[in-house]
Amino acid sequence: MISVASRILEVHPQTLRMYEREGFVSPHRINRQRLYSDEDLERLDLVIRLTKELGVNKAGVEIILRMRNRLSQLQEEMGEIMRFLEEDVRRDFEERLKKILGERE
């Protein structure tokens, strides 16, 4: 709920409403009540730190959030590539090992 989120993040509820209007977060709603996920709170904490502590403006926050999302996507893609390479190397190793062991028999 917004009251709990505002206490956790130590900001006024109106600040959270403003960040929602700006599009920085989209909490789930049940009967007009905002429900913030852990991910929402992490994102809001980052936005608050960027704006209050570092003086980043709205455009800067948008760019940083976009770059952060893209970085996460790239990390996931790299993980998939690494899994594929590990499987490929393992398969190649096993085939070579079988060939070597087969030649010795």
N, C-alpha and C. Protein backbone atom coordinates (compact mmCIF):
# COMPACT_ATOMS: atom_id res chain seq x y z
N MET A 1 0.83 -1.17 0.00
CA MET A 1 0.00 0.00 0.00
C MET A 1 0.88 1.24 0.00
N ILE A 2 0.33 2.33 -0.48
CA ILE A 2 1.13 3.55 -0.62
C ILE A 2 1.64 4.07 0.72
N SER A 3 0.84 3.93 1.77
CA SER A 3 1.28 4.41 3.08
C SER A 3 2.48 3.61 3.57
N VAL A 4 2.46 2.32 3.37
CA VAL A 4 3.57 1.46 3.79
C VAL A 4 4.80 1.75 2.93
N ALA A 5 4.59 1.86 1.63
CA ALA A 5 5.71 2.13 0.71
C ALA A 5 6.35 3.48 1.04
N SER A 6 5.53 4.48 1.33
CA SER A 6 6.09 5.81 1.63
C SER A 6 6.89 5.78 2.92
N ARG A 7 6.45 4.99 3.91
CA ARG A 7 7.22 4.86 5.15
C ARG A 7 8.54 4.13 4.91
N ILE A 8 8.47 3.06 4.12
CA ILE A 8 9.68 2.29 3.82
C ILE A 8 10.71 3.16 3.10
N LEU A 9 10.23 3.93 2.13
CA LEU A 9 11.12 4.74 1.31
C LEU A 9 11.40 6.12 1.90
N GLU A 10 10.70 6.43 3.00
CA GLU A 10 10.87 7.71 3.70
C GLU A 10 10.59 8.90 2.80
N VAL A 11 9.47 8.82 2.06
CA VAL A 11 9.01 9.94 1.23
C VAL A 11 7.51 10.12 1.46
N HIS A 12 7.01 11.26 1.08
CA HIS A 12 5.58 11.54 1.19
C HIS A 12 4.82 10.71 0.14
N PRO A 13 3.63 10.24 0.46
CA PRO A 13 2.85 9.48 -0.52
C PRO A 13 2.65 10.23 -1.83
N GLN A 14 2.57 11.55 -1.76
CA GLN A 14 2.40 12.35 -2.98
C GLN A 14 3.60 12.19 -3.92
N THR A 15 4.78 11.99 -3.33
CA THR A 15 5.98 11.76 -4.14
C THR A 15 5.83 10.47 -4.94
N LEU A 16 5.31 9.44 -4.30
CA LEU A 16 5.10 8.17 -5.00
C LEU A 16 4.05 8.31 -6.09
N ARG A 17 3.00 9.08 -5.82
CA ARG A 17 1.99 9.32 -6.85
C ARG A 17 2.60 10.06 -8.04
N MET A 18 3.48 11.02 -7.77
CA MET A 18 4.13 11.78 -8.84
C MET A 18 5.02 10.85 -9.68
N TYR A 19 5.78 9.98 -9.03
CA TYR A 19 6.64 9.05 -9.77
C TYR A 19 5.80 8.09 -10.61
N GLU A 20 4.63 7.75 -10.11
CA GLU A 20 3.73 6.91 -10.89
C GLU A 20 3.24 7.67 -12.12
N ARG A 21 2.85 8.93 -11.94
CA ARG A 21 2.41 9.76 -13.09
C ARG A 21 3.53 9.91 -14.12
N GLU A 22 4.76 10.01 -13.63
CA GLU A 22 5.91 10.16 -14.52
C GLU A 22 6.21 8.86 -15.27
N GLY A 23 5.62 7.75 -14.82
CA GLY A 23 5.82 6.48 -15.49
C GLY A 23 7.00 5.68 -14.98
N PHE A 24 7.56 6.09 -13.85
CA PHE A 24 8.71 5.37 -13.30
C PHE A 24 8.31 4.05 -12.66
N VAL A 25 7.05 3.93 -12.27
CA VAL A 25 6.57 2.72 -11.62
C VAL A 25 5.08 2.58 -11.90
N SER A 26 4.61 1.34 -11.94
CA SER A 26 3.19 1.06 -12.17
C SER A 26 2.72 0.02 -11.16
N PRO A 27 2.35 0.48 -9.96
CA PRO A 27 1.90 -0.50 -8.96
C PRO A 27 0.59 -1.15 -9.38
N HIS A 28 0.38 -2.36 -8.89
CA HIS A 28 -0.89 -3.04 -9.14
C HIS A 28 -1.97 -2.33 -8.34
N ARG A 29 -3.17 -2.40 -8.83
CA ARG A 29 -4.28 -1.76 -8.13
C ARG A 29 -5.38 -2.77 -7.87
N ILE A 30 -5.90 -2.69 -6.66
CA ILE A 30 -7.07 -3.46 -6.29
C ILE A 30 -8.03 -2.48 -5.61
N ASN A 31 -9.17 -2.27 -6.24
CA ASN A 31 -10.16 -1.32 -5.71
C ASN A 31 -9.55 0.05 -5.44
N ARG A 32 -8.84 0.58 -6.40
CA ARG A 32 -8.20 1.90 -6.33
C ARG A 32 -7.06 1.98 -5.33
N GLN A 33 -6.70 0.86 -4.73
CA GLN A 33 -5.61 0.84 -3.77
C GLN A 33 -4.34 0.39 -4.47
N ARG A 34 -3.27 1.18 -4.33
CA ARG A 34 -2.00 0.84 -4.96
C ARG A 34 -1.29 -0.22 -4.13
N LEU A 35 -0.81 -1.24 -4.83
CA LEU A 35 -0.04 -2.29 -4.17
C LEU A 35 1.33 -2.36 -4.83
N TYR A 36 2.37 -2.09 -4.07
CA TYR A 36 3.73 -2.04 -4.58
C TYR A 36 4.43 -3.38 -4.36
N SER A 37 5.08 -3.89 -5.40
CA SER A 37 5.86 -5.12 -5.29
C SER A 37 7.26 -4.77 -4.79
N ASP A 38 8.03 -5.80 -4.46
CA ASP A 38 9.42 -5.57 -4.07
C ASP A 38 10.19 -4.91 -5.20
N GLU A 39 9.90 -5.32 -6.42
CA GLU A 39 10.55 -4.72 -7.59
C GLU A 39 10.19 -3.24 -7.71
N ASP A 40 8.92 -2.91 -7.47
CA ASP A 40 8.49 -1.51 -7.49
C ASP A 40 9.26 -0.70 -6.46
N LEU A 41 9.40 -1.26 -5.25
CA LEU A 41 10.10 -0.55 -4.18
C LEU A 41 11.58 -0.35 -4.53
N GLU A 42 12.20 -1.35 -5.12
CA GLU A 42 13.60 -1.21 -5.53
C GLU A 42 13.75 -0.12 -6.58
N ARG A 43 12.84 -0.12 -7.55
CA ARG A 43 12.87 0.87 -8.62
C ARG A 43 12.65 2.27 -8.06
N LEU A 44 11.68 2.41 -7.16
CA LEU A 44 11.41 3.70 -6.53
C LEU A 44 12.60 4.17 -5.70
N ASP A 45 13.23 3.25 -4.99
CA ASP A 45 14.41 3.61 -4.21
C ASP A 45 15.50 4.16 -5.11
N LEU A 46 15.69 3.53 -6.27
CA LEU A 46 16.68 4.02 -7.22
C LEU A 46 16.30 5.41 -7.73
N VAL A 47 15.04 5.60 -8.08
CA VAL A 47 14.58 6.90 -8.58
C VAL A 47 14.79 7.97 -7.52
N ILE A 48 14.46 7.66 -6.28
CA ILE A 48 14.62 8.62 -5.19
C ILE A 48 16.09 8.98 -5.01
N ARG A 49 16.96 7.97 -5.03
CA ARG A 49 18.40 8.24 -4.89
C ARG A 49 18.93 9.09 -6.04
N LEU A 50 18.48 8.76 -7.25
CA LEU A 50 18.94 9.52 -8.42
C LEU A 50 18.50 10.97 -8.34
N THR A 51 17.25 11.20 -7.98
CA THR A 51 16.72 12.57 -7.98
C THR A 51 17.17 13.37 -6.77
N LYS A 52 17.09 12.79 -5.60
CA LYS A 52 17.39 13.56 -4.38
C LYS A 52 18.87 13.63 -4.07
N GLU A 53 19.57 12.51 -4.20
CA GLU A 53 20.97 12.48 -3.82
C GLU A 53 21.90 12.95 -4.93
N LEU A 54 21.53 12.63 -6.18
CA LEU A 54 22.42 12.95 -7.29
C LEU A 54 21.91 14.10 -8.16
N GLY A 55 20.69 14.55 -7.92
CA GLY A 55 20.16 15.69 -8.67
C GLY A 55 19.83 15.40 -10.12
N VAL A 56 19.55 14.14 -10.43
CA VAL A 56 19.22 13.76 -11.81
C VAL A 56 17.79 14.20 -12.11
N ASN A 57 17.58 14.80 -13.28
CA ASN A 57 16.23 15.24 -13.66
C ASN A 57 15.44 14.08 -14.28
N LYS A 58 14.17 14.34 -14.60
CA LYS A 58 13.26 13.31 -15.11
C LYS A 58 13.83 12.63 -16.36
N ALA A 59 14.33 13.42 -17.29
CA ALA A 59 14.88 12.85 -18.53
C ALA A 59 16.06 11.94 -18.22
N GLY A 60 16.90 12.36 -17.29
CA GLY A 60 18.05 11.54 -16.90
C GLY A 60 17.63 10.24 -16.26
N VAL A 61 16.62 10.32 -15.39
CA VAL A 61 16.11 9.11 -14.73
C VAL A 61 15.56 8.15 -15.78
N GLU A 62 14.81 8.67 -16.74
CA GLU A 62 14.25 7.82 -17.80
C GLU A 62 15.35 7.11 -18.56
N ILE A 63 16.40 7.85 -18.91
CA ILE A 63 17.52 7.26 -19.65
C ILE A 63 18.21 6.19 -18.81
N ILE A 64 18.45 6.49 -17.55
CA ILE A 64 19.13 5.53 -16.67
C ILE A 64 18.29 4.27 -16.51
N LEU A 65 16.99 4.42 -16.31
CA LEU A 65 16.11 3.25 -16.16
C LEU A 65 16.08 2.41 -17.43
N ARG A 66 16.03 3.10 -18.58
CA ARG A 66 16.04 2.37 -19.86
C ARG A 66 17.35 1.62 -20.04
N MET A 67 18.47 2.28 -19.74
CA MET A 67 19.78 1.64 -19.88
C MET A 67 19.91 0.47 -18.91
N ARG A 68 19.37 0.62 -17.72
CA ARG A 68 19.41 -0.44 -16.72
C ARG A 68 18.61 -1.66 -17.20
N ASN A 69 17.44 -1.41 -17.77
CA ASN A 69 16.63 -2.50 -18.32
C ASN A 69 17.35 -3.19 -19.46
N ARG A 70 17.96 -2.40 -20.34
CA ARG A 70 18.68 -2.98 -21.48
C ARG A 70 19.87 -3.80 -21.00
N LEU A 71 20.57 -3.31 -19.99
CA LEU A 71 21.69 -4.06 -19.43
C LEU A 71 21.23 -5.40 -18.87
N SER A 72 20.09 -5.41 -18.19
CA SER A 72 19.54 -6.66 -17.66
C SER A 72 19.22 -7.63 -18.80
N GLN A 73 18.63 -7.11 -19.88
CA GLN A 73 18.32 -7.95 -21.03
C GLN A 73 19.59 -8.54 -21.63
N LEU A 74 20.61 -7.71 -21.77
CA LEU A 74 21.88 -8.19 -22.34
C LEU A 74 22.53 -9.24 -21.44
N GLN A 75 22.42 -9.06 -20.12
CA GLN A 75 22.97 -10.05 -19.21
C GLN A 75 22.25 -11.38 -19.35
N GLU A 76 20.93 -11.34 -19.51
CA GLU A 76 20.17 -12.57 -19.71
C GLU A 76 20.58 -13.24 -21.02
N GLU A 77 20.74 -12.45 -22.08
CA GLU A 77 21.15 -13.00 -23.36
C GLU A 77 22.54 -13.62 -23.26
N MET A 78 23.45 -12.96 -22.56
CA MET A 78 24.80 -13.50 -22.39
C MET A 78 24.76 -14.81 -21.60
N GLY A 79 23.89 -14.87 -20.60
CA GLY A 79 23.74 -16.12 -19.84
C GLY A 79 23.27 -17.25 -20.73
N GLU A 80 22.32 -16.97 -21.61
CA GLU A 80 21.84 -17.99 -22.55
C GLU A 80 22.95 -18.43 -23.49
N ILE A 81 23.71 -17.48 -23.99
CA ILE A 81 24.82 -17.80 -24.89
C ILE A 81 25.86 -18.66 -24.17
N MET A 82 26.17 -18.30 -22.92
CA MET A 82 27.15 -19.06 -22.16
C MET A 82 26.65 -20.48 -21.91
N ARG A 83 25.38 -20.65 -21.60
CA ARG A 83 24.83 -22.01 -21.40
C ARG A 83 24.94 -22.82 -22.69
N PHE A 84 24.63 -22.19 -23.82
CA PHE A 84 24.74 -22.88 -25.11
C PHE A 84 26.18 -23.29 -25.36
N LEU A 85 27.12 -22.37 -25.12
CA LEU A 85 28.53 -22.68 -25.35
C LEU A 85 29.02 -23.79 -24.43
N GLU A 86 28.61 -23.75 -23.17
CA GLU A 86 29.01 -24.80 -22.23
C GLU A 86 28.50 -26.16 -22.69
N GLU A 87 27.25 -26.21 -23.13
CA GLU A 87 26.69 -27.47 -23.63
C GLU A 87 27.44 -27.94 -24.87
N ASP A 88 27.75 -27.01 -25.76
CA ASP A 88 28.45 -27.35 -27.00
C ASP A 88 29.85 -27.86 -26.70
N VAL A 89 30.56 -27.19 -25.80
CA VAL A 89 31.91 -27.61 -25.44
C VAL A 89 31.86 -28.97 -24.74
N ARG A 90 30.90 -29.17 -23.85
CA ARG A 90 30.77 -30.44 -23.14
C ARG A 90 30.50 -31.58 -24.13
N ARG A 91 29.58 -31.32 -25.06
CA ARG A 91 29.24 -32.34 -26.06
C ARG A 91 30.47 -32.67 -26.91
N ASP A 92 31.20 -31.64 -27.33
CA ASP A 92 32.40 -31.84 -28.14
C ASP A 92 33.45 -32.62 -27.36
N PHE A 93 33.63 -32.29 -26.10
CA PHE A 93 34.59 -33.00 -25.25
C PHE A 93 34.22 -34.47 -25.12
N GLU A 94 32.93 -34.73 -24.86
CA GLU A 94 32.48 -36.12 -24.70
C GLU A 94 32.68 -36.92 -25.98
N GLU A 95 32.42 -36.30 -27.13
CA GLU A 95 32.61 -36.99 -28.41
C GLU A 95 34.08 -37.30 -28.64
N ARG A 96 34.95 -36.36 -28.34
CA ARG A 96 36.39 -36.58 -28.51
C ARG A 96 36.90 -37.66 -27.55
N LEU A 97 36.38 -37.61 -26.31
CA LEU A 97 36.78 -38.60 -25.33
C LEU A 97 36.36 -40.00 -25.77
N LYS A 98 35.15 -40.13 -26.26
CA LYS A 98 34.68 -41.43 -26.75
C LYS A 98 35.54 -41.91 -27.91
N LYS A 99 35.90 -40.99 -28.79
CA LYS A 99 36.73 -41.34 -29.94
C LYS A 99 38.10 -41.82 -29.47
N ILE A 100 38.69 -41.12 -28.52
CA ILE A 100 40.00 -41.50 -28.00
C ILE A 100 39.94 -42.85 -27.31
N LEU A 101 38.94 -43.01 -26.45
CA LEU A 101 38.79 -44.27 -25.72
C LEU A 101 38.46 -45.42 -26.66
N GLY A 102 37.68 -45.14 -27.71
CA GLY A 102 37.35 -46.16 -28.69
C GLY A 102 38.56 -46.61 -29.48
N GLU A 103 39.50 -45.71 -29.77
CA GLU A 103 40.70 -46.05 -30.52
C GLU A 103 41.64 -46.91 -29.70
N ARG A 104 41.59 -46.78 -28.39
CA ARG A 104 42.51 -47.53 -27.51
C ARG A 104 42.03 -48.96 -27.31
N GLU A 105 40.80 -49.22 -27.56
CA GLU A 105 40.27 -50.57 -27.29
C GLU A 105 40.58 -51.52 -28.40
